[in-house]
Amino acid sequence: MYRRRGELKVFLIHPGGPFWAKKDAGAWSIPKGEIGEGEEPLQAAQREFLEETGFPIGGEFRPLEPLKQSGGKTVHAWAVEADCDPSLLRSNLFSLEWPPKSGQTREFPEVDRAAWFTIPQAREKILKGQIGFIDQLVGLLHNRS
Protein backbone atom coordinates (compact mmCIF):
# COMPACT_ATOMS: atom_id res chain seq x y z
CA MET A 1 0.00 0.00 0.00
CA TYR A 2 1.25 3.46 -0.79
CA ARG A 3 -0.01 7.00 -0.41
CA ARG A 4 0.94 10.37 -1.82
CA ARG A 5 0.48 13.25 0.58
CA GLY A 6 3.17 15.38 -0.92
CA GLU A 7 5.92 12.77 -0.61
CA LEU A 8 5.40 9.16 -1.66
CA LYS A 9 5.18 6.81 1.33
CA VAL A 10 4.76 3.06 1.70
CA PHE A 11 3.00 1.15 4.47
CA LEU A 12 5.11 -1.49 6.21
CA ILE A 13 4.49 -3.81 9.15
CA HIS A 14 6.83 -5.03 11.88
CA PRO A 15 6.51 -8.72 12.83
CA GLY A 16 5.41 -9.46 16.37
CA GLY A 17 6.81 -11.96 18.80
CA PRO A 18 9.98 -12.18 20.84
CA PHE A 19 12.36 -12.94 17.96
CA TRP A 20 11.64 -9.60 16.24
CA ALA A 21 11.08 -7.44 19.34
CA LYS A 22 14.45 -5.66 19.26
CA LYS A 23 15.01 -5.74 15.49
CA ASP A 24 14.24 -2.68 13.39
CA ALA A 25 16.38 -1.96 10.31
CA GLY A 26 15.88 -4.76 7.81
CA ALA A 27 13.04 -6.32 9.83
CA TRP A 28 9.92 -4.65 8.40
CA SER A 29 7.80 -6.20 5.67
CA ILE A 30 4.85 -5.75 3.40
CA PRO A 31 1.74 -7.46 4.82
CA LYS A 32 1.83 -10.99 3.40
CA GLY A 33 1.07 -14.61 4.11
CA GLU A 34 0.25 -18.05 2.79
CA ILE A 35 -2.09 -18.59 -0.15
CA GLY A 36 -4.90 -20.92 0.90
CA GLU A 37 -6.03 -24.01 -1.02
CA GLY A 38 -7.99 -22.85 -4.08
CA GLU A 39 -7.39 -19.19 -3.23
CA GLU A 40 -6.28 -16.67 -5.84
CA PRO A 41 -3.06 -14.81 -4.91
CA LEU A 42 -4.79 -11.38 -4.87
CA GLN A 43 -7.58 -12.74 -2.64
CA ALA A 44 -4.94 -14.13 -0.28
CA ALA A 45 -3.13 -10.78 -0.22
CA GLN A 46 -6.32 -8.92 0.69
CA ARG A 47 -7.23 -11.49 3.37
CA GLU A 48 -3.75 -11.45 4.88
CA PHE A 49 -3.69 -7.64 4.87
CA LEU A 50 -6.94 -7.61 6.86
CA GLU A 51 -5.78 -10.36 9.27
CA GLU A 52 -2.42 -8.72 9.93
CA THR A 53 -3.59 -5.10 10.21
CA GLY A 54 -7.34 -5.07 10.83
CA PHE A 55 -7.76 -2.80 7.78
CA PRO A 56 -9.82 -3.89 4.79
CA ILE A 57 -8.07 -2.84 1.59
CA GLY A 58 -9.51 -1.93 -1.78
CA GLY A 59 -8.66 0.09 -4.83
CA GLU A 60 -6.87 -0.49 -8.11
CA PHE A 61 -4.45 -3.35 -7.48
CA ARG A 62 -1.49 -3.27 -9.86
CA PRO A 63 0.59 -6.48 -9.89
CA LEU A 64 4.29 -6.31 -9.14
CA GLU A 65 6.78 -8.93 -10.29
CA PRO A 66 6.96 -11.77 -7.69
CA LEU A 67 10.21 -11.98 -5.72
CA LYS A 68 11.90 -15.15 -4.50
CA GLN A 69 13.04 -14.81 -0.87
CA SER A 70 16.30 -16.18 0.53
CA GLY A 71 14.37 -19.03 2.20
CA GLY A 72 13.05 -20.13 -1.20
CA LYS A 73 9.47 -18.82 -0.96
CA THR A 74 8.09 -16.65 -3.73
CA VAL A 75 6.18 -13.55 -2.59
CA HIS A 76 3.48 -12.01 -4.80
CA ALA A 77 2.62 -8.36 -4.25
CA TRP A 78 0.41 -5.62 -5.64
CA ALA A 79 0.64 -1.85 -5.51
CA VAL A 80 -2.52 -0.12 -4.33
CA GLU A 81 -3.01 3.50 -3.38
CA ALA A 82 -4.91 3.70 -0.11
CA ASP A 83 -4.59 5.11 3.39
CA CYS A 84 -4.98 4.01 6.99
CA ASP A 85 -3.97 5.09 10.47
CA PRO A 86 -1.23 2.75 11.80
CA SER A 87 -2.17 3.63 15.39
CA LEU A 88 -5.42 1.68 14.84
CA LEU A 89 -3.59 -1.56 13.95
CA ARG A 90 -5.34 -4.77 15.09
CA SER A 91 -3.43 -7.94 14.27
CA ASN A 92 -4.34 -11.57 14.64
CA LEU A 93 -2.41 -13.61 17.23
CA PHE A 94 -0.15 -16.66 17.12
CA SER A 95 0.90 -19.06 19.88
CA LEU A 96 4.50 -19.83 20.76
CA GLU A 97 6.25 -21.68 23.55
CA TRP A 98 7.98 -18.84 25.40
CA PRO A 99 10.49 -18.81 26.90
CA PRO A 100 11.86 -21.70 24.84
CA LYS A 101 11.63 -25.14 26.51
CA SER A 102 9.59 -23.64 29.37
CA GLY A 103 6.43 -25.56 28.57
CA GLN A 104 4.52 -22.26 28.68
CA THR A 105 2.59 -21.16 25.62
CA ARG A 106 2.04 -17.45 25.09
CA GLU A 107 0.16 -15.51 22.45
CA PHE A 108 1.77 -12.73 20.45
CA PRO A 109 0.41 -10.42 17.75
CA GLU A 110 1.52 -11.46 14.28
CA VAL A 111 2.22 -7.76 13.68
CA ASP A 112 3.20 -5.52 16.59
CA ARG A 113 3.31 -2.20 14.76
CA ALA A 114 2.90 -0.56 11.37
CA ALA A 115 4.04 2.74 9.91
CA TRP A 116 4.27 4.89 6.81
CA PHE A 117 7.80 5.37 5.46
CA THR A 118 9.31 7.54 2.75
CA ILE A 119 11.07 5.58 0.02
CA PRO A 120 14.58 6.11 1.50
CA GLN A 121 13.32 5.13 4.98
CA ALA A 122 11.51 2.08 3.60
CA ARG A 123 14.67 0.86 1.85
CA GLU A 124 16.40 0.83 5.27
CA LYS A 125 13.52 -0.74 7.19
CA ILE A 126 12.27 -3.47 4.84
CA LEU A 127 13.62 -7.01 4.69
CA LYS A 128 16.43 -7.18 2.14
CA GLY A 129 14.52 -9.69 -0.02
CA GLN A 130 11.60 -7.27 -0.42
CA ILE A 131 13.50 -4.12 -1.49
CA GLY A 132 12.67 -5.06 -5.08
CA PHE A 133 8.99 -4.33 -4.41
CA ILE A 134 9.87 -0.75 -3.46
CA ASP A 135 11.97 -0.38 -6.62
CA GLN A 136 9.11 -1.75 -8.72
CA LEU A 137 6.60 0.62 -7.11
CA VAL A 138 8.80 3.64 -7.76
CA GLY A 139 9.26 2.56 -11.39
CA LEU A 140 5.55 1.90 -11.83
CA LEU A 141 4.55 5.31 -10.47
CA HIS A 142 7.35 7.10 -12.38
CA ASN A 143 6.17 5.54 -15.67
CA ARG A 144 2.56 6.48 -14.90
CA SER A 145 3.27 10.21 -14.37
C-alpha atoms as a PDB file:
ATOM      1  CA  MET A   1       0.000   0.000   0.000  1.00  0.00           C
ATOM      2  CA  TYR A   2       1.250   3.464  -0.786  1.00  0.00           C
ATOM      3  CA  ARG A   3      -0.012   7.003  -0.413  1.00  0.00           C
ATOM      4  CA  ARG A   4       0.944  10.366  -1.823  1.00  0.00           C
ATOM      5  CA  ARG A   5       0.478  13.249   0.579  1.00  0.00           C
ATOM      6  CA  GLY A   6       3.171  15.378  -0.925  1.00  0.00           C
ATOM      7  CA  GLU A   7       5.917  12.773  -0.610  1.00  0.00           C
ATOM      8  CA  LEU A   8       5.402   9.160  -1.665  1.00  0.00           C
ATOM      9  CA  LYS A   9       5.177   6.807   1.333  1.00  0.00           C
ATOM     10  CA  VAL A  10       4.764   3.057   1.702  1.00  0.00           C
ATOM     11  CA  PHE A  11       3.002   1.149   4.472  1.00  0.00           C
ATOM     12  CA  LEU A  12       5.105  -1.494   6.211  1.00  0.00           C
ATOM     13  CA  ILE A  13       4.494  -3.807   9.149  1.00  0.00           C
ATOM     14  CA  HIS A  14       6.829  -5.028  11.878  1.00  0.00           C
ATOM     15  CA  PRO A  15       6.511  -8.715  12.832  1.00  0.00           C
ATOM     16  CA  GLY A  16       5.411  -9.455  16.372  1.00  0.00           C
ATOM     17  CA  GLY A  17       6.812 -11.960  18.805  1.00  0.00           C
ATOM     18  CA  PRO A  18       9.976 -12.177  20.845  1.00  0.00           C
ATOM     19  CA  PHE A  19      12.361 -12.935  17.960  1.00  0.00           C
ATOM     20  CA  TRP A  20      11.642  -9.602  16.237  1.00  0.00           C
ATOM     21  CA  ALA A  21      11.078  -7.444  19.337  1.00  0.00           C
ATOM     22  CA  LYS A  22      14.449  -5.657  19.256  1.00  0.00           C
ATOM     23  CA  LYS A  23      15.011  -5.742  15.494  1.00  0.00           C
ATOM     24  CA  ASP A  24      14.243  -2.683  13.386  1.00  0.00           C
ATOM     25  CA  ALA A  25      16.384  -1.956  10.308  1.00  0.00           C
ATOM     26  CA  GLY A  26      15.884  -4.757   7.814  1.00  0.00           C
ATOM     27  CA  ALA A  27      13.044  -6.323   9.825  1.00  0.00           C
ATOM     28  CA  TRP A  28       9.922  -4.651   8.403  1.00  0.00           C
ATOM     29  CA  SER A  29       7.802  -6.196   5.667  1.00  0.00           C
ATOM     30  CA  ILE A  30       4.850  -5.752   3.398  1.00  0.00           C
ATOM     31  CA  PRO A  31       1.741  -7.456   4.822  1.00  0.00           C
ATOM     32  CA  LYS A  32       1.831 -10.986   3.398  1.00  0.00           C
ATOM     33  CA  GLY A  33       1.074 -14.611   4.113  1.00  0.00           C
ATOM     34  CA  GLU A  34       0.255 -18.050   2.785  1.00  0.00           C
ATOM     35  CA  ILE A  35      -2.092 -18.595  -0.147  1.00  0.00           C
ATOM     36  CA  GLY A  36      -4.899 -20.920   0.896  1.00  0.00           C
ATOM     37  CA  GLU A  37      -6.028 -24.012  -1.021  1.00  0.00           C
ATOM     38  CA  GLY A  38      -7.991 -22.846  -4.083  1.00  0.00           C
ATOM     39  CA  GLU A  39      -7.392 -19.189  -3.231  1.00  0.00           C
ATOM     40  CA  GLU A  40      -6.279 -16.674  -5.835  1.00  0.00           C
ATOM     41  CA  PRO A  41      -3.063 -14.807  -4.907  1.00  0.00           C
ATOM     42  CA  LEU A  42      -4.787 -11.381  -4.873  1.00  0.00           C
ATOM     43  CA  GLN A  43      -7.581 -12.737  -2.642  1.00  0.00           C
ATOM     44  CA  ALA A  44      -4.937 -14.132  -0.283  1.00  0.00           C
ATOM     45  CA  ALA A  45      -3.126 -10.784  -0.218  1.00  0.00           C
ATOM     46  CA  GLN A  46      -6.322  -8.917   0.687  1.00  0.00           C
ATOM     47  CA  ARG A  47      -7.232 -11.486   3.367  1.00  0.00           C
ATOM     48  CA  GLU A  48      -3.745 -11.449   4.877  1.00  0.00           C
ATOM     49  CA  PHE A  49      -3.687  -7.644   4.874  1.00  0.00           C
ATOM     50  CA  LEU A  50      -6.938  -7.612   6.857  1.00  0.00           C
ATOM     51  CA  GLU A  51      -5.777 -10.360   9.267  1.00  0.00           C
ATOM     52  CA  GLU A  52      -2.415  -8.718   9.934  1.00  0.00           C
ATOM     53  CA  THR A  53      -3.589  -5.097  10.214  1.00  0.00           C
ATOM     54  CA  GLY A  54      -7.338  -5.071  10.832  1.00  0.00           C
ATOM     55  CA  PHE A  55      -7.761  -2.797   7.785  1.00  0.00           C
ATOM     56  CA  PRO A  56      -9.823  -3.889   4.786  1.00  0.00           C
ATOM     57  CA  ILE A  57      -8.075  -2.839   1.588  1.00  0.00           C
ATOM     58  CA  GLY A  58      -9.510  -1.934  -1.778  1.00  0.00           C
ATOM     59  CA  GLY A  59      -8.661   0.088  -4.834  1.00  0.00           C
ATOM     60  CA  GLU A  60      -6.873  -0.485  -8.112  1.00  0.00           C
ATOM     61  CA  PHE A  61      -4.453  -3.350  -7.478  1.00  0.00           C
ATOM     62  CA  ARG A  62      -1.491  -3.275  -9.855  1.00  0.00           C
ATOM     63  CA  PRO A  63       0.593  -6.479  -9.885  1.00  0.00           C
ATOM     64  CA  LEU A  64       4.291  -6.312  -9.138  1.00  0.00           C
ATOM     65  CA  GLU A  65       6.776  -8.929 -10.288  1.00  0.00           C
ATOM     66  CA  PRO A  66       6.956 -11.766  -7.690  1.00  0.00           C
ATOM     67  CA  LEU A  67      10.206 -11.985  -5.720  1.00  0.00           C
ATOM     68  CA  LYS A  68      11.904 -15.145  -4.498  1.00  0.00           C
ATOM     69  CA  GLN A  69      13.036 -14.815  -0.871  1.00  0.00           C
ATOM     70  CA  SER A  70      16.299 -16.179   0.529  1.00  0.00           C
ATOM     71  CA  GLY A  71      14.369 -19.034   2.196  1.00  0.00           C
ATOM     72  CA  GLY A  72      13.048 -20.134  -1.202  1.00  0.00           C
ATOM     73  CA  LYS A  73       9.466 -18.816  -0.956  1.00  0.00           C
ATOM     74  CA  THR A  74       8.090 -16.648  -3.730  1.00  0.00           C
ATOM     75  CA  VAL A  75       6.184 -13.552  -2.592  1.00  0.00           C
ATOM     76  CA  HIS A  76       3.478 -12.013  -4.796  1.00  0.00           C
ATOM     77  CA  ALA A  77       2.624  -8.355  -4.252  1.00  0.00           C
ATOM     78  CA  TRP A  78       0.414  -5.622  -5.641  1.00  0.00           C
ATOM     79  CA  ALA A  79       0.642  -1.849  -5.514  1.00  0.00           C
ATOM     80  CA  VAL A  80      -2.520  -0.124  -4.335  1.00  0.00           C
ATOM     81  CA  GLU A  81      -3.008   3.499  -3.378  1.00  0.00           C
ATOM     82  CA  ALA A  82      -4.911   3.698  -0.106  1.00  0.00           C
ATOM     83  CA  ASP A  83      -4.587   5.114   3.390  1.00  0.00           C
ATOM     84  CA  CYS A  84      -4.976   4.010   6.987  1.00  0.00           C
ATOM     85  CA  ASP A  85      -3.972   5.090  10.471  1.00  0.00           C
ATOM     86  CA  PRO A  86      -1.231   2.750  11.796  1.00  0.00           C
ATOM     87  CA  SER A  87      -2.172   3.629  15.388  1.00  0.00           C
ATOM     88  CA  LEU A  88      -5.422   1.676  14.836  1.00  0.00           C
ATOM     89  CA  LEU A  89      -3.586  -1.562  13.955  1.00  0.00           C
ATOM     90  CA  ARG A  90      -5.336  -4.771  15.089  1.00  0.00           C
ATOM     91  CA  SER A  91      -3.429  -7.937  14.269  1.00  0.00           C
ATOM     92  CA  ASN A  92      -4.337 -11.566  14.643  1.00  0.00           C
ATOM     93  CA  LEU A  93      -2.409 -13.612  17.227  1.00  0.00           C
ATOM     94  CA  PHE A  94      -0.153 -16.664  17.118  1.00  0.00           C
ATOM     95  CA  SER A  95       0.898 -19.057  19.881  1.00  0.00           C
ATOM     96  CA  LEU A  96       4.501 -19.828  20.763  1.00  0.00           C
ATOM     97  CA  GLU A  97       6.249 -21.680  23.546  1.00  0.00           C
ATOM     98  CA  TRP A  98       7.983 -18.839  25.396  1.00  0.00           C
ATOM     99  CA  PRO A  99      10.492 -18.810  26.904  1.00  0.00           C
ATOM    100  CA  PRO A 100      11.863 -21.703  24.842  1.00  0.00           C
ATOM    101  CA  LYS A 101      11.627 -25.137  26.506  1.00  0.00           C
ATOM    102  CA  SER A 102       9.592 -23.638  29.370  1.00  0.00           C
ATOM    103  CA  GLY A 103       6.425 -25.562  28.572  1.00  0.00           C
ATOM    104  CA  GLN A 104       4.521 -22.263  28.682  1.00  0.00           C
ATOM    105  CA  THR A 105       2.593 -21.160  25.616  1.00  0.00           C
ATOM    106  CA  ARG A 106       2.045 -17.447  25.092  1.00  0.00           C
ATOM    107  CA  GLU A 107       0.156 -15.513  22.448  1.00  0.00           C
ATOM    108  CA  PHE A 108       1.767 -12.731  20.447  1.00  0.00           C
ATOM    109  CA  PRO A 109       0.406 -10.422  17.751  1.00  0.00           C
ATOM    110  CA  GLU A 110       1.516 -11.462  14.278  1.00  0.00           C
ATOM    111  CA  VAL A 111       2.221  -7.763  13.675  1.00  0.00           C
ATOM    112  CA  ASP A 112       3.198  -5.525  16.590  1.00  0.00           C
ATOM    113  CA  ARG A 113       3.310  -2.197  14.756  1.00  0.00           C
ATOM    114  CA  ALA A 114       2.896  -0.556  11.370  1.00  0.00           C
ATOM    115  CA  ALA A 115       4.042   2.741   9.912  1.00  0.00           C
ATOM    116  CA  TRP A 116       4.274   4.886   6.814  1.00  0.00           C
ATOM    117  CA  PHE A 117       7.798   5.375   5.457  1.00  0.00           C
ATOM    118  CA  THR A 118       9.308   7.542   2.753  1.00  0.00           C
ATOM    119  CA  ILE A 119      11.069   5.576   0.022  1.00  0.00           C
ATOM    120  CA  PRO A 120      14.579   6.115   1.502  1.00  0.00           C
ATOM    121  CA  GLN A 121      13.322   5.132   4.985  1.00  0.00           C
ATOM    122  CA  ALA A 122      11.505   2.076   3.600  1.00  0.00           C
ATOM    123  CA  ARG A 123      14.674   0.863   1.853  1.00  0.00           C
ATOM    124  CA  GLU A 124      16.403   0.830   5.266  1.00  0.00           C
ATOM    125  CA  LYS A 125      13.516  -0.745   7.193  1.00  0.00           C
ATOM    126  CA  ILE A 126      12.267  -3.472   4.838  1.00  0.00           C
ATOM    127  CA  LEU A 127      13.620  -7.014   4.688  1.00  0.00           C
ATOM    128  CA  LYS A 128      16.425  -7.184   2.139  1.00  0.00           C
ATOM    129  CA  GLY A 129      14.522  -9.690  -0.016  1.00  0.00           C
ATOM    130  CA  GLN A 130      11.605  -7.267  -0.418  1.00  0.00           C
ATOM    131  CA  ILE A 131      13.498  -4.120  -1.490  1.00  0.00           C
ATOM    132  CA  GLY A 132      12.670  -5.060  -5.080  1.00  0.00           C
ATOM    133  CA  PHE A 133       8.986  -4.330  -4.406  1.00  0.00           C
ATOM    134  CA  ILE A 134       9.868  -0.753  -3.458  1.00  0.00           C
ATOM    135  CA  ASP A 135      11.970  -0.377  -6.622  1.00  0.00           C
ATOM    136  CA  GLN A 136       9.110  -1.753  -8.722  1.00  0.00           C
ATOM    137  CA  LEU A 137       6.601   0.619  -7.109  1.00  0.00           C
ATOM    138  CA  VAL A 138       8.802   3.643  -7.756  1.00  0.00           C
ATOM    139  CA  GLY A 139       9.264   2.557 -11.390  1.00  0.00           C
ATOM    140  CA  LEU A 140       5.549   1.901 -11.828  1.00  0.00           C
ATOM    141  CA  LEU A 141       4.553   5.312 -10.473  1.00  0.00           C
ATOM    142  CA  HIS A 142       7.348   7.098 -12.379  1.00  0.00           C
ATOM    143  CA  ASN A 143       6.173   5.540 -15.670  1.00  0.00           C
ATOM    144  CA  ARG A 144       2.563   6.476 -14.897  1.00  0.00           C
ATOM    145  CA  SER A 145       3.271  10.207 -14.365  1.00  0.00           C
END
